[in-house]
Amino acid sequence: MNDVSNTTATDKAARPKKVKDPLWKRIYFVFSLFVMAVLVAHFSWVASGSAQWKLAKDEDGIKVYVMKAPGDAMLKLRTVMEGDYTLSQLVSQHIGVGDTLQVCKEWIPGCVDMKRIMHFNPARGYDRDLWRVQVPGPFADRELLISTIFHQDKASKKVTLDVVGMPNSLPHTPGVVRLERIHNQWTYTPLANGKMEVVLIQDVGFSDVGFVPYPLLNLTLVDDSHKFFATTLRSSLLEDKYVNAKVDIVDLEDIRRPDAGSQAAQSASP
């Protein structure tokens, strides 16, 4: 009996103890798996997309569409509404009356500076501005060097304003990150019902400069754009400075009136 007990005790003593991995190794392993999962999700998301507009929100007379294009991490937005506005009223928000630091602050959270690089030239049809946006630390401020390019179709009177980034047309500001890719497009189309269709297409490469993690931006873009149209844009368009604005480059012929065509024909007849 004693021999059996001694043998059992010896076997237990001879059996090696399992050594656990140090805590840092386990943390490193979990972290590595997390990084791999994030990278796979990122590349899968960037490669995905149909490049087709899809309705994401339709409230208060405002429709917001999203598009995911293959190769781009950021969603593109198309926001649409109708209203009783004039072309001068709308265009003046971008050329002339509304081209100020105050409007920059109202339209872009964190805007702290706006410099006029080139005044609007009617012959060339564009201007150039430098906007600076303050972001929470430890991140550096961002800046947008943009040109607003005007075009009006003479037949339909539709106005197109392309807001295009010109990142390398001036030396970069030390300590400030310049946004490399931006192409927003405003279109104002007179409709047969007497109203004006307002459309904004947004294509901004916030993720290219680490502005904010793009998944967070993509989650808020639709609601932010809808809120901007429903509050800031609608309320500002009712201000006297826009209602009474005069923009010489805009053809003011009102083709929305049902009798506009007959009146034009009568005035043209001998």
Protein backbone atom coordinates (compact mmCIF):
# COMPACT_ATOMS: atom_id res chain seq x y z
CA MET A 1 0.00 0.00 0.00
CA ASN A 2 2.79 2.37 0.86
CA ASP A 3 4.49 1.52 -2.44
CA VAL A 4 1.38 2.56 -4.39
CA SER A 5 1.10 5.85 -2.51
CA ASN A 6 4.76 6.61 -3.05
CA THR A 7 4.47 5.91 -6.78
CA THR A 8 1.46 8.23 -7.13
CA ALA A 9 3.21 11.00 -5.25
CA THR A 10 6.31 10.61 -7.40
CA ASP A 11 4.26 10.80 -10.65
CA LYS A 12 2.63 14.04 -9.48
CA ALA A 13 5.94 15.53 -8.57
CA ALA A 14 7.53 14.55 -11.87
CA ARG A 15 4.67 15.96 -14.01
CA PRO A 16 5.75 19.40 -15.37
CA LYS A 17 3.55 22.35 -14.52
CA LYS A 18 1.89 24.21 -17.42
CA VAL A 19 3.42 27.66 -17.72
CA LYS A 20 0.95 30.40 -18.67
CA ASP A 21 1.95 32.97 -21.28
CA PRO A 22 2.81 36.35 -19.83
CA LEU A 23 -0.04 38.86 -19.83
CA TRP A 24 1.64 41.07 -22.43
CA LYS A 25 1.76 38.19 -24.90
CA ARG A 26 -1.97 37.57 -24.56
CA ILE A 27 -2.72 41.26 -24.98
CA TYR A 28 -0.47 41.42 -28.03
CA PHE A 29 -2.24 38.41 -29.58
CA VAL A 30 -5.70 39.92 -29.04
CA PHE A 31 -4.51 43.29 -30.37
CA SER A 32 -3.05 41.64 -33.49
CA LEU A 33 -6.36 39.91 -34.19
CA PHE A 34 -8.17 43.21 -33.76
CA VAL A 35 -5.84 45.02 -36.17
CA MET A 36 -6.24 42.29 -38.76
CA ALA A 37 -10.02 42.43 -38.45
CA VAL A 38 -10.00 46.22 -38.85
CA LEU A 39 -7.77 46.04 -41.95
CA VAL A 40 -9.95 43.36 -43.55
CA ALA A 41 -13.08 45.41 -42.82
CA HIS A 42 -11.45 48.58 -44.18
CA PHE A 43 -10.30 47.12 -47.48
CA SER A 44 -13.59 45.28 -47.94
CA TRP A 45 -15.53 48.51 -47.39
CA VAL A 46 -13.33 50.57 -49.71
CA ALA A 47 -13.66 47.99 -52.50
CA SER A 48 -17.45 47.78 -52.14
CA GLY A 49 -20.12 49.98 -53.67
CA SER A 50 -22.57 50.19 -56.56
CA ALA A 51 -21.91 53.82 -57.58
CA GLN A 52 -25.70 54.33 -57.58
CA TRP A 53 -27.73 56.92 -55.69
CA LYS A 54 -29.96 55.44 -52.97
CA LEU A 55 -32.55 57.35 -50.97
CA ALA A 56 -31.47 57.48 -47.31
CA LYS A 57 -33.86 60.05 -45.83
CA ASP A 58 -37.06 61.77 -46.95
CA GLU A 59 -38.48 64.21 -44.39
CA ASP A 60 -39.78 67.80 -44.29
CA GLY A 61 -39.66 68.12 -48.05
CA ILE A 62 -35.96 67.29 -48.13
CA LYS A 63 -34.51 64.14 -49.71
CA VAL A 64 -31.00 62.89 -48.98
CA TYR A 65 -29.41 60.27 -51.22
CA VAL A 66 -26.14 58.42 -50.63
CA MET A 67 -23.70 56.82 -53.04
CA LYS A 68 -20.89 54.39 -52.23
CA ALA A 69 -18.32 54.34 -55.03
CA PRO A 70 -15.74 51.53 -55.23
CA GLY A 71 -12.32 52.74 -54.15
CA ASP A 72 -13.62 55.53 -51.89
CA ALA A 73 -14.06 55.20 -48.14
CA MET A 74 -16.36 58.22 -47.88
CA LEU A 75 -20.00 58.25 -48.90
CA LYS A 76 -21.14 60.86 -51.41
CA LEU A 77 -24.32 62.80 -50.67
CA ARG A 78 -27.05 64.32 -52.83
CA THR A 79 -29.54 66.53 -50.99
CA VAL A 80 -32.63 67.91 -52.75
CA MET A 81 -35.40 70.36 -51.85
CA GLU A 82 -37.79 72.80 -53.53
CA GLY A 83 -38.71 76.31 -52.46
CA ASP A 84 -39.97 79.73 -53.46
CA TYR A 85 -36.62 81.30 -54.21
CA THR A 86 -35.07 83.36 -56.98
CA LEU A 87 -31.83 82.57 -58.73
CA SER A 88 -30.18 85.73 -57.39
CA GLN A 89 -31.32 84.86 -53.89
CA LEU A 90 -29.63 81.46 -54.11
CA VAL A 91 -26.48 82.43 -56.02
CA SER A 92 -25.79 85.42 -53.74
CA GLN A 93 -25.05 83.02 -50.89
CA HIS A 94 -21.91 81.97 -52.75
CA ILE A 95 -20.99 84.98 -54.87
CA GLY A 96 -21.15 88.47 -53.40
CA VAL A 97 -23.32 88.97 -50.31
CA GLY A 98 -22.78 85.58 -48.69
CA ASP A 99 -19.09 85.21 -49.38
CA THR A 100 -18.00 86.15 -45.85
CA LEU A 101 -16.43 84.73 -42.69
CA GLN A 102 -19.79 84.91 -40.95
CA VAL A 103 -21.37 82.59 -43.53
CA CYS A 104 -18.38 80.25 -43.21
CA LYS A 105 -19.03 80.07 -39.45
CA GLU A 106 -22.73 79.42 -39.99
CA TRP A 107 -22.20 76.71 -42.60
CA ILE A 108 -19.07 74.95 -41.33
CA PRO A 109 -18.70 74.12 -37.61
CA GLY A 110 -15.32 75.30 -36.36
CA CYS A 111 -14.66 77.82 -39.16
CA VAL A 112 -12.35 80.49 -37.73
CA ASP A 113 -10.95 82.30 -40.76
CA MET A 114 -11.81 83.11 -44.37
CA LYS A 115 -9.45 84.88 -46.76
CA ARG A 116 -10.35 86.15 -50.21
CA ILE A 117 -7.55 85.04 -52.52
CA MET A 118 -9.22 86.12 -55.77
CA HIS A 119 -12.41 88.12 -56.18
CA PHE A 120 -15.06 86.74 -58.47
CA ASN A 121 -14.19 87.49 -62.08
CA PRO A 122 -17.29 87.55 -64.34
CA ALA A 123 -15.16 86.96 -67.42
CA ARG A 124 -13.52 83.85 -65.97
CA GLY A 125 -16.54 82.83 -63.93
CA TYR A 126 -14.83 81.88 -60.66
CA ASP A 127 -13.29 83.15 -57.42
CA ARG A 128 -10.89 81.65 -54.88
CA ASP A 129 -11.07 81.54 -51.07
CA LEU A 130 -9.11 80.00 -48.21
CA TRP A 131 -11.16 78.72 -45.28
CA ARG A 132 -9.64 77.56 -42.00
CA VAL A 133 -11.43 75.11 -39.69
CA GLN A 134 -10.40 74.57 -36.08
CA VAL A 135 -10.58 70.98 -34.82
CA PRO A 136 -10.18 69.69 -31.24
CA GLY A 137 -6.64 68.91 -30.09
CA PRO A 138 -4.30 67.20 -30.46
CA PHE A 139 -5.21 67.46 -34.16
CA ALA A 140 -3.96 70.31 -36.32
CA ASP A 141 -6.38 72.77 -37.91
CA ARG A 142 -7.65 72.04 -41.41
CA GLU A 143 -7.94 74.45 -44.32
CA LEU A 144 -9.81 74.45 -47.62
CA LEU A 145 -8.46 76.32 -50.63
CA ILE A 146 -11.44 76.39 -52.98
CA SER A 147 -12.74 77.97 -56.17
CA THR A 148 -16.44 78.54 -56.81
CA ILE A 149 -17.09 78.18 -60.54
CA PHE A 150 -20.29 79.66 -61.99
CA HIS A 151 -22.21 78.40 -65.03
CA GLN A 152 -25.72 79.10 -66.26
CA ASP A 153 -27.55 77.30 -69.02
CA LYS A 154 -29.11 80.03 -71.17
CA ALA A 155 -32.03 77.90 -72.32
CA SER A 156 -33.24 76.48 -69.00
CA LYS A 157 -31.71 79.22 -66.77
CA LYS A 158 -30.35 76.44 -64.56
CA VAL A 159 -27.37 77.61 -62.52
CA THR A 160 -24.51 75.31 -61.53
CA LEU A 161 -21.90 76.25 -58.91
CA ASP A 162 -18.95 73.88 -58.64
CA VAL A 163 -16.97 74.29 -55.41
CA VAL A 164 -13.64 72.69 -56.26
CA GLY A 165 -10.54 72.20 -54.13
CA MET A 166 -7.32 73.79 -55.43
CA PRO A 167 -4.95 72.40 -52.79
CA ASN A 168 -1.62 73.14 -54.45
CA SER A 169 -2.31 76.49 -56.08
CA LEU A 170 -0.78 78.27 -53.04
CA PRO A 171 1.95 77.26 -50.56
CA HIS A 172 0.61 75.25 -47.63
CA THR A 173 0.24 76.94 -44.26
CA PRO A 174 2.77 75.59 -41.72
CA GLY A 175 1.12 73.53 -38.98
CA VAL A 176 -2.20 73.30 -40.84
CA VAL A 177 -3.45 70.31 -42.87
CA ARG A 178 -4.97 71.26 -46.22
CA LEU A 179 -7.89 69.24 -47.53
CA GLU A 180 -6.77 67.66 -50.79
CA ARG A 181 -10.06 66.56 -52.33
CA ILE A 182 -13.32 68.49 -52.41
CA HIS A 183 -15.89 68.85 -55.18
CA ASN A 184 -19.28 70.05 -54.03
CA GLN A 185 -21.84 71.03 -56.64
CA TRP A 186 -24.88 73.26 -56.17
CA THR A 187 -27.56 73.32 -58.87
CA TYR A 188 -30.54 75.67 -58.96
CA THR A 189 -33.21 74.71 -61.48
CA PRO A 190 -36.39 76.74 -62.17
CA LEU A 191 -39.40 74.42 -62.23
CA ALA A 192 -42.70 74.65 -64.12
CA ASN A 193 -44.64 74.87 -60.83
CA GLY A 194 -43.00 78.23 -60.04
CA LYS A 195 -40.59 76.85 -57.46
CA MET A 196 -36.83 76.39 -57.54
CA GLU A 197 -35.15 73.01 -57.14
CA VAL A 198 -32.04 73.19 -54.93
CA VAL A 199 -29.57 70.31 -55.17
CA LEU A 200 -26.26 69.86 -53.38
CA ILE A 201 -23.88 67.00 -54.24
CA GLN A 202 -21.09 66.58 -51.70
CA ASP A 203 -17.84 64.76 -52.44
CA VAL A 204 -15.25 65.58 -49.79
CA GLY A 205 -12.18 63.53 -48.88
CA PHE A 206 -12.24 64.06 -45.13
CA SER A 207 -10.77 60.62 -44.57
CA ASP A 208 -7.74 61.44 -46.76
CA VAL A 209 -6.33 63.76 -44.08
CA GLY A 210 -7.50 61.90 -40.98
CA PHE A 211 -10.15 64.52 -40.25
CA VAL A 212 -12.26 62.09 -38.20
CA PRO A 213 -12.46 58.29 -38.56
CA TYR A 214 -14.53 57.86 -41.70
CA PRO A 215 -16.97 55.32 -40.19
CA LEU A 216 -18.10 58.01 -37.74
CA LEU A 217 -18.42 60.58 -40.51
CA ASN A 218 -20.41 58.23 -42.73
CA LEU A 219 -22.83 57.57 -39.88
CA THR A 220 -23.60 61.28 -39.40
CA LEU A 221 -23.46 62.65 -42.95
CA VAL A 222 -27.11 62.04 -43.85
CA ASP A 223 -28.59 63.61 -40.71
CA ASP A 224 -26.13 66.51 -40.80
CA SER A 225 -26.95 67.38 -44.41
CA HIS A 226 -30.69 67.12 -43.79
CA LYS A 227 -30.40 69.33 -40.71
CA PHE A 228 -28.35 71.91 -42.63
CA PHE A 229 -31.00 72.19 -45.35
CA ALA A 230 -33.93 72.19 -42.91
CA THR A 231 -32.50 74.82 -40.56
CA THR A 232 -29.44 76.81 -41.63
CA LEU A 233 -30.10 76.98 -45.38
CA ARG A 234 -33.85 77.61 -45.23
CA SER A 235 -33.63 80.25 -42.52
CA SER A 236 -30.69 82.09 -44.07
CA LEU A 237 -32.41 82.32 -47.48
CA LEU A 238 -35.18 84.38 -45.85
CA GLU A 239 -32.74 87.09 -44.75
CA ASP A 240 -33.20 90.44 -46.48
CA LYS A 241 -29.62 90.53 -47.75
CA TYR A 242 -30.32 87.45 -49.89
CA VAL A 243 -33.96 88.20 -50.75
CA ASN A 244 -32.96 91.62 -52.10
CA ALA A 245 -29.58 90.62 -53.51
CA LYS A 246 -28.59 91.57 -57.04
CA VAL A 247 -26.21 89.30 -58.95
CA ASP A 248 -25.35 90.80 -62.34
CA ILE A 249 -24.07 87.55 -63.85
CA VAL A 250 -27.39 85.75 -63.35
CA ASP A 251 -29.93 85.90 -66.17
CA LEU A 252 -33.06 86.98 -64.29
CA GLU A 253 -35.60 86.21 -67.01
CA ASP A 254 -38.40 84.38 -65.21
CA ILE A 255 -39.13 81.36 -67.41
CA ARG A 256 -41.19 79.76 -64.65
CA ARG A 257 -44.31 81.84 -65.38
CA PRO A 258 -46.75 80.07 -67.71
CA ASP A 259 -47.11 83.24 -69.79
CA ALA A 260 -43.39 83.98 -69.99
CA GLY A 261 -43.02 82.34 -73.38
CA SER A 262 -45.98 84.19 -74.95
CA GLN A 263 -44.83 87.53 -73.53
CA ALA A 264 -41.36 86.99 -74.94
CA ALA A 265 -42.82 86.15 -78.34
CA GLN A 266 -45.02 89.27 -78.31
CA SER A 267 -42.10 91.51 -77.39
CA ALA A 268 -40.04 90.00 -80.20
CA SER A 269 -42.74 90.51 -82.87
CA PRO A 270 -42.66 93.74 -84.95
